[in-house]
Amino acid sequence: MKNRSRPDIMAIILEAANGGITKTKLLTKANLTSGQLRHYMSVLLEKRLIMELADEDKRHVAYRTTEKGMKYLSIYSALKSIAVFPQEG
């Protein structure tokens, strides 16, 4: 598997959380360890790119991409489409 950059990983998390996702499913979709996910979630929550949804006793927690997070994805996608990267192979 090729190395992923921080912006790549953040985009993967935000795409997966679009519409809502649990932490367990997010770990699987983003292919991260729990420590890595904790680090990225802390950054994404602090920057308000993702929001935490929880019931009153915080037993069930899910995450959803915010409008600001969707803007990040849009800009990320535009930059990725115009950037020229050498092909690996």
C-alpha atoms as a PDB file:
ATOM      1  CA  MET A   1       0.000   0.000   0.000  1.00  0.00           C
ATOM      2  CA  LYS A   2       1.338   3.423  -0.882  1.00  0.00           C
ATOM      3  CA  ASN A   3       1.933   6.026   1.787  1.00  0.00           C
ATOM      4  CA  ARG A   4      -0.929   8.426   2.292  1.00  0.00           C
ATOM      5  CA  SER A   5      -0.416  12.072   3.139  1.00  0.00           C
ATOM      6  CA  ARG A   6      -2.166  13.801   6.045  1.00  0.00           C
ATOM      7  CA  PRO A   7      -4.546  15.631   3.664  1.00  0.00           C
ATOM      8  CA  ASP A   8      -5.335  12.283   1.962  1.00  0.00           C
ATOM      9  CA  ILE A   9      -6.198  10.628   5.278  1.00  0.00           C
ATOM     10  CA  MET A  10      -8.273  13.608   6.406  1.00  0.00           C
ATOM     11  CA  ALA A  11     -10.202  13.482   3.120  1.00  0.00           C
ATOM     12  CA  ILE A  12     -10.820   9.730   3.511  1.00  0.00           C
ATOM     13  CA  ILE A  13     -12.221  10.292   7.013  1.00  0.00           C
ATOM     14  CA  LEU A  14     -14.395  13.223   5.898  1.00  0.00           C
ATOM     15  CA  GLU A  15     -15.739  11.293   2.892  1.00  0.00           C
ATOM     16  CA  ALA A  16     -16.565   8.301   5.082  1.00  0.00           C
ATOM     17  CA  ALA A  17     -18.297  10.499   7.677  1.00  0.00           C
ATOM     18  CA  ASN A  18     -20.480  12.260   5.105  1.00  0.00           C
ATOM     19  CA  GLY A  19     -23.973  11.332   6.280  1.00  0.00           C
ATOM     20  CA  GLY A  20     -22.776   9.925   9.610  1.00  0.00           C
ATOM     21  CA  ILE A  21     -20.636   6.974  10.688  1.00  0.00           C
ATOM     22  CA  THR A  22     -19.638   5.187  13.884  1.00  0.00           C
ATOM     23  CA  LYS A  23     -16.040   5.084  15.108  1.00  0.00           C
ATOM     24  CA  THR A  24     -15.755   1.345  14.432  1.00  0.00           C
ATOM     25  CA  LYS A  25     -16.880   1.668  10.818  1.00  0.00           C
ATOM     26  CA  LEU A  26     -14.633   4.697  10.396  1.00  0.00           C
ATOM     27  CA  LEU A  27     -11.601   2.703  11.596  1.00  0.00           C
ATOM     28  CA  THR A  28     -12.309   0.086   8.946  1.00  0.00           C
ATOM     29  CA  LYS A  29     -13.076   2.467   6.073  1.00  0.00           C
ATOM     30  CA  ALA A  30     -10.046   4.685   6.719  1.00  0.00           C
ATOM     31  CA  ASN A  31      -7.797   1.683   7.465  1.00  0.00           C
ATOM     32  CA  LEU A  32      -6.254   3.349  10.528  1.00  0.00           C
ATOM     33  CA  THR A  33      -5.244   2.206  13.991  1.00  0.00           C
ATOM     34  CA  SER A  34      -7.299   3.538  16.896  1.00  0.00           C
ATOM     35  CA  GLY A  35      -4.396   5.802  17.910  1.00  0.00           C
ATOM     36  CA  GLN A  36      -4.121   7.267  14.410  1.00  0.00           C
ATOM     37  CA  LEU A  37      -7.876   7.798  14.232  1.00  0.00           C
ATOM     38  CA  ARG A  38      -7.895   9.469  17.648  1.00  0.00           C
ATOM     39  CA  HIS A  39      -5.186  11.895  16.442  1.00  0.00           C
ATOM     40  CA  TYR A  40      -6.977  12.778  13.203  1.00  0.00           C
ATOM     41  CA  MET A  41     -10.384  13.068  14.886  1.00  0.00           C
ATOM     42  CA  SER A  42      -8.938  15.485  17.418  1.00  0.00           C
ATOM     43  CA  VAL A  43      -7.635  17.724  14.606  1.00  0.00           C
ATOM     44  CA  LEU A  44     -10.834  17.455  12.546  1.00  0.00           C
ATOM     45  CA  LEU A  45     -13.034  18.213  15.571  1.00  0.00           C
ATOM     46  CA  GLU A  46     -10.840  21.146  16.640  1.00  0.00           C
ATOM     47  CA  LYS A  47     -10.982  22.643  13.128  1.00  0.00           C
ATOM     48  CA  ARG A  48     -14.738  21.964  13.000  1.00  0.00           C
ATOM     49  CA  LEU A  49     -14.487  19.863   9.846  1.00  0.00           C
ATOM     50  CA  ILE A  50     -16.366  17.030  11.544  1.00  0.00           C
ATOM     51  CA  MET A  51     -18.947  16.950  14.340  1.00  0.00           C
ATOM     52  CA  GLU A  52     -19.617  14.421  17.066  1.00  0.00           C
ATOM     53  CA  LEU A  53     -23.166  13.192  17.456  1.00  0.00           C
ATOM     54  CA  ALA A  54     -23.959  11.440  20.730  1.00  0.00           C
ATOM     55  CA  ASP A  55     -26.988  10.411  22.728  1.00  0.00           C
ATOM     56  CA  GLU A  56     -27.504  11.879  26.203  1.00  0.00           C
ATOM     57  CA  ASP A  57     -25.329   9.366  28.052  1.00  0.00           C
ATOM     58  CA  LYS A  58     -22.654   9.326  25.297  1.00  0.00           C
ATOM     59  CA  ARG A  59     -23.025   5.567  24.886  1.00  0.00           C
ATOM     60  CA  HIS A  60     -23.645   5.822  21.146  1.00  0.00           C
ATOM     61  CA  VAL A  61     -21.360   8.218  19.311  1.00  0.00           C
ATOM     62  CA  ALA A  62     -21.252   8.907  15.593  1.00  0.00           C
ATOM     63  CA  TYR A  63     -19.465  11.464  13.459  1.00  0.00           C
ATOM     64  CA  ARG A  64     -20.666  13.572  10.570  1.00  0.00           C
ATOM     65  CA  THR A  65     -18.826  15.847   8.149  1.00  0.00           C
ATOM     66  CA  THR A  66     -19.743  19.515   8.617  1.00  0.00           C
ATOM     67  CA  GLU A  67     -20.349  22.081   5.889  1.00  0.00           C
ATOM     68  CA  LYS A  68     -16.784  23.316   6.455  1.00  0.00           C
ATOM     69  CA  GLY A  69     -15.579  19.718   6.048  1.00  0.00           C
ATOM     70  CA  MET A  70     -17.454  19.435   2.753  1.00  0.00           C
ATOM     71  CA  LYS A  71     -15.719  22.616   1.592  1.00  0.00           C
ATOM     72  CA  TYR A  72     -12.355  21.020   2.505  1.00  0.00           C
ATOM     73  CA  LEU A  73     -13.265  17.965   0.410  1.00  0.00           C
ATOM     74  CA  SER A  74     -14.244  20.140  -2.532  1.00  0.00           C
ATOM     75  CA  ILE A  75     -10.968  22.082  -2.435  1.00  0.00           C
ATOM     76  CA  TYR A  76      -8.956  18.899  -1.839  1.00  0.00           C
ATOM     77  CA  SER A  77     -10.601  17.238  -4.833  1.00  0.00           C
ATOM     78  CA  ALA A  78      -9.982  20.261  -7.079  1.00  0.00           C
ATOM     79  CA  LEU A  79      -6.304  20.430  -6.088  1.00  0.00           C
ATOM     80  CA  LYS A  80      -5.839  16.701  -6.578  1.00  0.00           C
ATOM     81  CA  SER A  81      -7.378  16.865 -10.062  1.00  0.00           C
ATOM     82  CA  ILE A  82      -4.983  19.592 -11.272  1.00  0.00           C
ATOM     83  CA  ALA A  83      -1.842  18.375  -9.509  1.00  0.00           C
ATOM     84  CA  VAL A  84       0.598  16.370 -11.585  1.00  0.00           C
ATOM     85  CA  PHE A  85       2.091  13.441  -9.690  1.00  0.00           C
ATOM     86  CA  PRO A  86       4.561  10.966 -11.210  1.00  0.00           C
ATOM     87  CA  GLN A  87       3.062   7.536 -11.834  1.00  0.00           C
ATOM     88  CA  GLU A  88       4.394   4.759  -9.634  1.00  0.00           C
ATOM     89  CA  GLY A  89       4.885   1.453 -11.196  1.00  0.00           C
END
